PDB file of N, CA and C in Angstrom:
ATOM      1  N   UNK A   1       0.849  -1.171   0.000  1.00  0.00           N
ATOM      2  CA  UNK A   1       0.000   0.000   0.000  1.00  0.00           C
ATOM      3  C   UNK A   1       0.898   1.238   0.000  1.00  0.00           C
ATOM      4  N   UNK A   2       0.601   2.156  -0.884  1.00  0.00           N
ATOM      5  CA  UNK A   2       1.388   3.382  -0.986  1.00  0.00           C
ATOM      6  C   UNK A   2       1.056   4.319   0.167  1.00  0.00           C
ATOM      7  N   UNK A   3       2.089   4.960   0.703  1.00  0.00           N
ATOM      8  CA  UNK A   3       1.911   5.921   1.801  1.00  0.00           C
ATOM      9  C   UNK A   3       2.038   7.330   1.238  1.00  0.00           C
ATOM     10  N   UNK A   4       1.039   8.165   1.531  1.00  0.00           N
ATOM     11  CA  UNK A   4       1.009   9.537   1.034  1.00  0.00           C
ATOM     12  C   UNK A   4       0.936  10.489   2.223  1.00  0.00           C
ATOM     13  N   UNK A   5       1.857  11.446   2.282  1.00  0.00           N
ATOM     14  CA  UNK A   5       1.812  12.492   3.306  1.00  0.00           C
ATOM     15  C   UNK A   5       0.984  13.640   2.755  1.00  0.00           C
ATOM     16  N   UNK A   6      -0.023  14.073   3.525  1.00  0.00           N
ATOM     17  CA  UNK A   6      -0.941  15.109   3.064  1.00  0.00           C
ATOM     18  C   UNK A   6      -0.963  16.228   4.105  1.00  0.00           C
ATOM     19  N   UNK A   7      -0.868  17.454   3.626  1.00  0.00           N
ATOM     20  CA  UNK A   7      -0.946  18.605   4.519  1.00  0.00           C
ATOM     21  C   UNK A   7      -2.269  18.563   5.285  1.00  0.00           C
ATOM     22  N   UNK A   8      -2.213  18.905   6.576  1.00  0.00           N
ATOM     23  CA  UNK A   8      -3.348  18.762   7.482  1.00  0.00           C
ATOM     24  C   UNK A   8      -4.638  19.415   7.050  1.00  0.00           C
ATOM     25  N   UNK A   9      -4.562  20.534   6.352  1.00  0.00           N
ATOM     26  CA  UNK A   9      -5.786  21.246   5.966  1.00  0.00           C
ATOM     27  C   UNK A   9      -6.521  20.600   4.794  1.00  0.00           C
ATOM     28  N   UNK A  10      -5.936  19.606   4.174  1.00  0.00           N
ATOM     29  CA  UNK A  10      -6.531  18.970   2.987  1.00  0.00           C
ATOM     30  C   UNK A  10      -7.327  17.727   3.384  1.00  0.00           C
ATOM     31  N   UNK A  11      -8.336  17.923   4.220  1.00  0.00           N
ATOM     32  CA  UNK A  11      -9.081  16.797   4.769  1.00  0.00           C
ATOM     33  C   UNK A  11      -9.873  16.015   3.717  1.00  0.00           C
ATOM     34  N   UNK A  12     -10.453  16.693   2.751  1.00  0.00           N
ATOM     35  CA  UNK A  12     -11.224  15.994   1.701  1.00  0.00           C
ATOM     36  C   UNK A  12     -10.305  15.104   0.877  1.00  0.00           C
ATOM     37  N   UNK A  13      -9.110  15.606   0.589  1.00  0.00           N
ATOM     38  CA  UNK A  13      -8.143  14.821  -0.186  1.00  0.00           C
ATOM     39  C   UNK A  13      -7.673  13.624   0.627  1.00  0.00           C
ATOM     40  N   UNK A  14      -7.386  13.834   1.916  1.00  0.00           N
ATOM     41  CA  UNK A  14      -6.982  12.721   2.781  1.00  0.00           C
ATOM     42  C   UNK A  14      -8.046  11.638   2.807  1.00  0.00           C
ATOM     43  N   UNK A  15      -9.306  12.057   2.959  1.00  0.00           N
ATOM     44  CA  UNK A  15     -10.414  11.093   3.001  1.00  0.00           C
ATOM     45  C   UNK A  15     -10.522  10.320   1.697  1.00  0.00           C
ATOM     46  N   UNK A  16     -10.431  11.022   0.572  1.00  0.00           N
ATOM     47  CA  UNK A  16     -10.546  10.345  -0.723  1.00  0.00           C
ATOM     48  C   UNK A  16      -9.421   9.325  -0.906  1.00  0.00           C
ATOM     49  N   UNK A  17      -8.203   9.711  -0.539  1.00  0.00           N
ATOM     50  CA  UNK A  17      -7.084   8.786  -0.674  1.00  0.00           C
ATOM     51  C   UNK A  17      -7.261   7.573   0.240  1.00  0.00           C
ATOM     52  N   UNK A  18      -7.656   7.799   1.490  1.00  0.00           N
ATOM     53  CA  UNK A  18      -7.883   6.690   2.429  1.00  0.00           C
ATOM     54  C   UNK A  18      -8.980   5.756   1.916  1.00  0.00           C
ATOM     55  N   UNK A  19     -10.073   6.354   1.459  1.00  0.00           N
ATOM     56  CA  UNK A  19     -11.210   5.560   0.965  1.00  0.00           C
ATOM     57  C   UNK A  19     -10.834   4.714  -0.242  1.00  0.00           C
ATOM     58  N   UNK A  20      -9.740   5.077  -0.908  1.00  0.00           N
ATOM     59  CA  UNK A  20      -9.319   4.342  -2.101  1.00  0.00           C
ATOM     60  C   UNK A  20      -8.041   3.543  -1.867  1.00  0.00           C
ATOM     61  N   UNK A  21      -7.768   3.232  -0.599  1.00  0.00           N
ATOM     62  CA  UNK A  21      -6.717   2.273  -0.299  1.00  0.00           C
ATOM     63  C   UNK A  21      -5.331   2.822  -0.027  1.00  0.00           C
ATOM     64  N   UNK A  22      -5.166   4.130   0.043  1.00  0.00           N
ATOM     65  CA  UNK A  22      -3.851   4.691   0.343  1.00  0.00           C
ATOM     66  C   UNK A  22      -3.674   4.815   1.855  1.00  0.00           C
ATOM     67  N   UNK A  23      -2.438   4.640   2.310  1.00  0.00           N
ATOM     68  CA  UNK A  23      -2.069   4.895   3.692  1.00  0.00           C
ATOM     69  C   UNK A  23      -1.744   6.382   3.777  1.00  0.00           C
ATOM     70  N   UNK A  24      -2.581   7.152   4.452  1.00  0.00           N
ATOM     71  CA  UNK A  24      -2.420   8.606   4.497  1.00  0.00           C
ATOM     72  C   UNK A  24      -1.887   9.011   5.862  1.00  0.00           C
ATOM     73  N   UNK A  25      -0.824   9.803   5.862  1.00  0.00           N
ATOM     74  CA  UNK A  25      -0.263  10.358   7.085  1.00  0.00           C
ATOM     75  C   UNK A  25      -0.209  11.869   6.938  1.00  0.00           C
ATOM     76  N   UNK A  26      -0.292  12.569   8.074  1.00  0.00           N
ATOM     77  CA  UNK A  26      -0.246  14.027   8.016  1.00  0.00           C
ATOM     78  C   UNK A  26       1.175  14.481   7.716  1.00  0.00           C
ATOM     79  N   UNK A  27       1.280  15.468   6.876  1.00  0.00           N
ATOM     80  CA  UNK A  27       2.578  16.011   6.486  1.00  0.00           C
ATOM     81  C   UNK A  27       3.318  16.475   7.734  1.00  0.00           C
ATOM     82  N   UNK A  28       4.553  16.027   7.888  1.00  0.00           N
ATOM     83  CA  UNK A  28       5.370  16.409   9.034  1.00  0.00           C
ATOM     84  C   UNK A  28       5.280  15.439  10.194  1.00  0.00           C
ATOM     85  N   UNK A  29       4.319  14.509  10.146  1.00  0.00           N
ATOM     86  CA  UNK A  29       4.149  13.566  11.250  1.00  0.00           C
ATOM     87  C   UNK A  29       4.430  12.122  10.858  1.00  0.00           C
ATOM     88  N   UNK A  30       5.110  11.898   9.749  1.00  0.00           N
ATOM     89  CA  UNK A  30       5.384  10.517   9.371  1.00  0.00           C
ATOM     90  C   UNK A  30       6.764  10.108   9.875  1.00  0.00           C
ATOM     91  N   UNK A  31       6.912   8.837  10.156  1.00  0.00           N
ATOM     92  CA  UNK A  31       8.169   8.304  10.678  1.00  0.00           C
ATOM     93  C   UNK A  31       8.957   7.569   9.602  1.00  0.00           C
ATOM     94  N   UNK A  32       8.290   7.108   8.574  1.00  0.00           N
ATOM     95  CA  UNK A  32       8.940   6.345   7.527  1.00  0.00           C
ATOM     96  C   UNK A  32       8.884   7.118   6.219  1.00  0.00           C
ATOM     97  N   UNK A  33       9.498   6.561   5.216  1.00  0.00           N
ATOM     98  CA  UNK A  33       9.455   7.174   3.889  1.00  0.00           C
ATOM     99  C   UNK A  33       8.021   7.201   3.365  1.00  0.00           C
ATOM    100  N   UNK A  34       7.746   8.169   2.523  1.00  0.00           N
ATOM    101  CA  UNK A  34       6.439   8.246   1.883  1.00  0.00           C
ATOM    102  C   UNK A  34       6.633   8.132   0.376  1.00  0.00           C
ATOM    103  N   UNK A  35       5.571   7.732  -0.298  1.00  0.00           N
ATOM    104  CA  UNK A  35       5.624   7.554  -1.743  1.00  0.00           C
ATOM    105  C   UNK A  35       5.242   8.814  -2.499  1.00  0.00           C
ATOM    106  N   UNK A  36       4.476   9.699  -1.848  1.00  0.00           N
ATOM    107  CA  UNK A  36       4.072  10.963  -2.467  1.00  0.00           C
ATOM    108  C   UNK A  36       3.726  11.948  -1.359  1.00  0.00           C
ATOM    109  N   UNK A  37       3.758  13.229  -1.713  1.00  0.00           N
ATOM    110  CA  UNK A  37       3.447  14.299  -0.769  1.00  0.00           C
ATOM    111  C   UNK A  37       2.459  15.237  -1.441  1.00  0.00           C
ATOM    112  N   UNK A  38       1.392  15.600  -0.718  1.00  0.00           N
ATOM    113  CA  UNK A  38       0.392  16.532  -1.241  1.00  0.00           C
ATOM    114  C   UNK A  38       0.396  17.766  -0.342  1.00  0.00           C
ATOM    115  N   UNK A  39       0.588  18.930  -0.962  1.00  0.00           N
ATOM    116  CA  UNK A  39       0.649  20.191  -0.218  1.00  0.00           C
ATOM    117  C   UNK A  39      -0.354  21.188  -0.790  1.00  0.00           C
ATOM    118  N   UNK A  40      -0.624  22.257  -0.023  1.00  0.00           N
ATOM    119  CA  UNK A  40      -1.514  23.310  -0.506  1.00  0.00           C
ATOM    120  C   UNK A  40      -0.758  24.326  -1.339  1.00  0.00           C
ATOM    121  N   UNK A  41       0.547  24.375  -1.155  1.00  0.00           N
ATOM    122  CA  UNK A  41       1.348  25.351  -1.891  1.00  0.00           C
ATOM    123  C   UNK A  41       1.429  26.686  -1.185  1.00  0.00           C
ATOM    124  N   UNK A  42       0.926  26.760   0.045  1.00  0.00           N
ATOM    125  CA  UNK A  42       0.933  28.013   0.798  1.00  0.00           C
ATOM    126  C   UNK A  42       1.925  27.913   1.949  1.00  0.00           C
ATOM    127  N   UNK A  43       3.049  28.611   1.812  1.00  0.00           N
ATOM    128  CA  UNK A  43       4.040  28.701   2.885  1.00  0.00           C
ATOM    129  C   UNK A  43       4.521  27.360   3.397  1.00  0.00           C
ATOM    130  N   UNK A  44       4.642  26.388   2.544  1.00  0.00           N
ATOM    131  CA  UNK A  44       5.163  25.100   2.971  1.00  0.00           C
ATOM    132  C   UNK A  44       6.438  24.834   2.195  1.00  0.00           C
ATOM    133  N   UNK A  45       7.539  24.721   2.923  1.00  0.00           N
ATOM    134  CA  UNK A  45       8.807  24.398   2.299  1.00  0.00           C
ATOM    135  C   UNK A  45       9.177  22.993   2.723  1.00  0.00           C
ATOM    136  N   UNK A  46       8.634  22.019   2.012  1.00  0.00           N
ATOM    137  CA  UNK A  46       8.808  20.618   2.354  1.00  0.00           C
ATOM    138  C   UNK A  46      10.282  20.233   2.359  1.00  0.00           C
ATOM    139  N   UNK A  47      11.038  20.765   1.423  1.00  0.00           N
ATOM    140  CA  UNK A  47      12.418  20.343   1.280  1.00  0.00           C
ATOM    141  C   UNK A  47      13.339  20.896   2.353  1.00  0.00           C
ATOM    142  N   UNK A  48      12.913  21.872   3.145  1.00  0.00           N
ATOM    143  CA  UNK A  48      13.789  22.440   4.155  1.00  0.00           C
ATOM    144  C   UNK A  48      13.886  21.585   5.411  1.00  0.00           C
ATOM    145  N   UNK A  49      12.980  20.643   5.597  1.00  0.00           N
ATOM    146  CA  UNK A  49      13.007  19.804   6.785  1.00  0.00           C
ATOM    147  C   UNK A  49      13.984  18.660   6.559  1.00  0.00           C
ATOM    148  N   UNK A  50      15.177  18.800   7.068  1.00  0.00           N
ATOM    149  CA  UNK A  50      16.230  17.820   6.836  1.00  0.00           C
ATOM    150  C   UNK A  50      16.007  16.513   7.595  1.00  0.00           C
ATOM    151  N   UNK A  51      15.076  16.494   8.550  1.00  0.00           N
ATOM    152  CA  UNK A  51      14.848  15.274   9.311  1.00  0.00           C
ATOM    153  C   UNK A  51      13.992  14.270   8.551  1.00  0.00           C
ATOM    154  N   UNK A  52      13.452  14.662   7.430  1.00  0.00           N
ATOM    155  CA  UNK A  52      12.614  13.775   6.627  1.00  0.00           C
ATOM    156  C   UNK A  52      13.332  13.455   5.318  1.00  0.00           C
ATOM    157  N   UNK A  53      13.267  12.226   4.918  1.00  0.00           N
ATOM    158  CA  UNK A  53      13.865  11.827   3.653  1.00  0.00           C
ATOM    159  C   UNK A  53      12.756  11.683   2.635  1.00  0.00           C
ATOM    160  N   UNK A  54      12.739  12.573   1.651  1.00  0.00           N
ATOM    161  CA  UNK A  54      11.658  12.505   0.667  1.00  0.00           C
ATOM    162  C   UNK A  54      12.190  12.369  -0.746  1.00  0.00           C
ATOM    163  N   UNK A  55      13.471  12.134  -0.892  1.00  0.00           N
ATOM    164  CA  UNK A  55      14.027  12.053  -2.232  1.00  0.00           C
ATOM    165  C   UNK A  55      13.306  10.989  -3.033  1.00  0.00           C
ATOM    166  N   UNK A  56      12.919  11.349  -4.220  1.00  0.00           N
ATOM    167  CA  UNK A  56      12.213  10.434  -5.097  1.00  0.00           C
ATOM    168  C   UNK A  56      10.705  10.468  -4.962  1.00  0.00           C
ATOM    169  N   UNK A  57      10.189  11.071  -3.919  1.00  0.00           N
ATOM    170  CA  UNK A  57       8.733  11.142  -3.741  1.00  0.00           C
ATOM    171  C   UNK A  57       8.203  12.359  -4.479  1.00  0.00           C
ATOM    172  N   UNK A  58       7.216  12.173  -5.356  1.00  0.00           N
ATOM    173  CA  UNK A  58       6.654  13.332  -6.048  1.00  0.00           C
ATOM    174  C   UNK A  58       5.899  14.236  -5.081  1.00  0.00           C
ATOM    175  N   UNK A  59       6.059  15.539  -5.265  1.00  0.00           N
ATOM    176  CA  UNK A  59       5.341  16.527  -4.470  1.00  0.00           C
ATOM    177  C   UNK A  59       4.243  17.098  -5.355  1.00  0.00           C
ATOM    178  N   UNK A  60       2.995  16.966  -4.912  1.00  0.00           N
ATOM    179  CA  UNK A  60       1.840  17.407  -5.692  1.00  0.00           C
ATOM    180  C   UNK A  60       1.252  18.643  -5.024  1.00  0.00           C
ATOM    181  N   UNK A  61       1.217  19.732  -5.759  1.00  0.00           N
ATOM    182  CA  UNK A  61       0.650  20.982  -5.262  1.00  0.00           C
ATOM    183  C   UNK A  61      -0.847  20.963  -5.571  1.00  0.00           C
ATOM    184  N   UNK A  62      -1.669  20.870  -4.524  1.00  0.00           N
ATOM    185  CA  UNK A  62      -3.116  20.749  -4.685  1.00  0.00           C
ATOM    186  C   UNK A  62      -3.814  22.086  -4.876  1.00  0.00           C
ATOM    187  N   UNK A  63      -3.070  23.175  -4.906  1.00  0.00           N
ATOM    188  CA  UNK A  63      -3.668  24.495  -5.039  1.00  0.00           C
ATOM    189  C   UNK A  63      -4.508  24.581  -6.311  1.00  0.00           C
ATOM    190  N   UNK A  64      -5.784  24.898  -6.163  1.00  0.00           N
ATOM    191  CA  UNK A  64      -6.685  25.048  -7.301  1.00  0.00           C
ATOM    192  C   UNK A  64      -7.219  23.744  -7.867  1.00  0.00           C
ATOM    193  N   UNK A  65      -6.916  22.620  -7.221  1.00  0.00           N
ATOM    194  CA  UNK A  65      -7.368  21.318  -7.710  1.00  0.00           C
ATOM    195  C   UNK A  65      -8.477  20.766  -6.815  1.00  0.00           C
ATOM    196  N   UNK A  66      -9.376  19.995  -7.404  1.00  0.00           N
ATOM    197  CA  UNK A  66     -10.391  19.300  -6.623  1.00  0.00           C
ATOM    198  C   UNK A  66      -9.766  18.049  -6.015  1.00  0.00           C
ATOM    199  N   UNK A  67     -10.455  17.457  -5.047  1.00  0.00           N
ATOM    200  CA  UNK A  67      -9.974  16.213  -4.450  1.00  0.00           C
ATOM    201  C   UNK A  67      -9.844  15.132  -5.522  1.00  0.00           C
ATOM    202  N   UNK A  68     -10.777  15.084  -6.449  1.00  0.00           N
ATOM    203  CA  UNK A  68     -10.736  14.100  -7.532  1.00  0.00           C
ATOM    204  C   UNK A  68      -9.506  14.307  -8.420  1.00  0.00           C
ATOM    205  N   UNK A  69      -9.185  15.548  -8.721  1.00  0.00           N
ATOM    206  CA  UNK A  69      -8.010  15.845  -9.550  1.00  0.00           C
ATOM    207  C   UNK A  69      -6.715  15.449  -8.844  1.00  0.00           C
ATOM    208  N   UNK A  70      -6.646  15.709  -7.546  1.00  0.00           N
ATOM    209  CA  UNK A  70      -5.452  15.320  -6.785  1.00  0.00           C
ATOM    210  C   UNK A  70      -5.343  13.804  -6.726  1.00  0.00           C
ATOM    211  N   UNK A  71      -6.455  13.128  -6.483  1.00  0.00           N
ATOM    212  CA  UNK A  71      -6.474  11.665  -6.459  1.00  0.00           C
ATOM    213  C   UNK A  71      -5.960  11.104  -7.788  1.00  0.00           C
ATOM    214  N   UNK A  72      -6.442  11.665  -8.879  1.00  0.00           N
ATOM    215  CA  UNK A  72      -6.001  11.244 -10.207  1.00  0.00           C
ATOM    216  C   UNK A  72      -4.495  11.457 -10.372  1.00  0.00           C
ATOM    217  N   UNK A  73      -4.005  12.602  -9.934  1.00  0.00           N
ATOM    218  CA  UNK A  73      -2.577  12.916 -10.048  1.00  0.00           C
ATOM    219  C   UNK A  73      -1.732  11.959  -9.212  1.00  0.00           C
ATOM    220  N   UNK A  74      -2.173  11.644  -8.010  1.00  0.00           N
ATOM    221  CA  UNK A  74      -1.455  10.682  -7.169  1.00  0.00           C
ATOM    222  C   UNK A  74      -1.403   9.326  -7.869  1.00  0.00           C
ATOM    223  N   UNK A  75      -2.539   8.884  -8.414  1.00  0.00           N
ATOM    224  CA  UNK A  75      -2.567   7.600  -9.122  1.00  0.00           C
ATOM    225  C   UNK A  75      -1.583   7.574 -10.285  1.00  0.00           C
ATOM    226  N   UNK A  76      -1.563   8.637 -11.058  1.00  0.00           N
ATOM    227  CA  UNK A  76      -0.652   8.696 -12.211  1.00  0.00           C
ATOM    228  C   UNK A  76       0.798   8.638 -11.759  1.00  0.00           C
ATOM    229  N   UNK A  77       1.113   9.432 -10.753  1.00  0.00           N
ATOM    230  CA  UNK A  77       2.508   9.526 -10.300  1.00  0.00           C
ATOM    231  C   UNK A  77       3.006   8.249  -9.632  1.00  0.00           C
ATOM    232  N   UNK A  78       2.107   7.462  -9.052  1.00  0.00           N
ATOM    233  CA  UNK A  78       2.533   6.269  -8.319  1.00  0.00           C
ATOM    234  C   UNK A  78       2.372   4.975  -9.102  1.00  0.00           C
ATOM    235  N   UNK A  79       1.891   5.063 -10.332  1.00  0.00           N
ATOM    236  CA  UNK A  79       1.794   3.860 -11.147  1.00  0.00           C
ATOM    237  C   UNK A  79       3.194   3.392 -11.509  1.00  0.00           C
ATOM    238  N   UNK A  80       3.408   2.097 -11.419  1.00  0.00           N
ATOM    239  CA  UNK A  80       4.724   1.591 -11.838  1.00  0.00           C
ATOM    240  C   UNK A  80       4.928   1.835 -13.323  1.00  0.00           C
ATOM    241  N   UNK A  81       6.141   2.154 -13.668  1.00  0.00           N
ATOM    242  CA  UNK A  81       6.472   2.374 -15.075  1.00  0.00           C
ATOM    243  C   UNK A  81       6.510   1.032 -15.786  1.00  0.00           C
ATOM    244  N   UNK A  82       5.808   0.957 -16.874  1.00  0.00           N
ATOM    245  CA  UNK A  82       5.794  -0.278 -17.647  1.00  0.00           C
ATOM    246  C   UNK A  82       6.894  -0.190 -18.696  1.00  0.00           C
ATOM    247  N   UNK A  83       7.767  -1.180 -18.685  1.00  0.00           N
ATOM    248  CA  UNK A  83       8.858  -1.205 -19.659  1.00  0.00           C
ATOM    249  C   UNK A  83       8.511  -2.201 -20.755  1.00  0.00           C
ATOM    250  N   UNK A  84       8.537  -1.734 -21.951  1.00  0.00           N
ATOM    251  CA  UNK A  84       8.288  -2.614 -23.082  1.00  0.00           C
ATOM    252  C   UNK A  84       9.595  -2.774 -23.843  1.00  0.00           C
ATOM    253  N   UNK A  85       9.915  -4.005 -24.126  1.00  0.00           N
ATOM    254  CA  UNK A  85      11.158  -4.281 -24.842  1.00  0.00           C
ATOM    255  C   UNK A  85      10.828  -4.552 -26.309  1.00  0.00           C
ATOM    256  N   UNK A  86      11.578  -3.936 -27.159  1.00  0.00           N
ATOM    257  CA  UNK A  86      11.376  -4.077 -28.583  1.00  0.00           C
ATOM    258  C   UNK A  86      12.453  -4.994 -29.129  1.00  0.00           C
ATOM    259  N   UNK A  87      12.009  -6.057 -29.751  1.00  0.00           N
ATOM    260  CA  UNK A  87      12.961  -6.983 -30.376  1.00  0.00           C
ATOM    261  C   UNK A  87      13.144  -6.567 -31.820  1.00  0.00           C
ATOM    262  N   UNK A  88      14.301  -6.036 -32.136  1.00  0.00           N
ATOM    263  CA  UNK A  88      14.552  -5.548 -33.474  1.00  0.00           C
ATOM    264  C   UNK A  88      14.934  -6.646 -34.445  1.00  0.00           C
ATOM    265  N   UNK A  89      14.942  -7.874 -33.936  1.00  0.00           N
ATOM    266  CA  UNK A  89      15.256  -8.994 -34.806  1.00  0.00           C
ATOM    267  C   UNK A  89      16.763  -9.240 -34.944  1.00  0.00           C
ATOM    268  N   UNK A  90      17.537  -8.534 -34.177  1.00  0.00           N
ATOM    269  CA  UNK A  90      19.001  -8.739 -34.253  1.00  0.00           C
ATOM    270  C   UNK A  90      19.441  -9.864 -33.392  1.00  0.00           C
TER     271      UNK A  90
END
């Protein structure tokens, strides 16, 4: 199950993610790595907190987006990349 850190004020987004199988933790209160981060984009400098390791986790700015749009964006960003190999006949 993917773990998503969500800024505390984004309760509708947290609920939608939880209802659809994501492990949701409040931004700043997680103890382990997260797979994605959702922020409001207002005065949040996620990268300045050196006590959290977020390298590789996509940061999604929910400003101006509906809960459905954020949910869609999280799904897109967390889908495993499908690698297709092309056999050129060599």
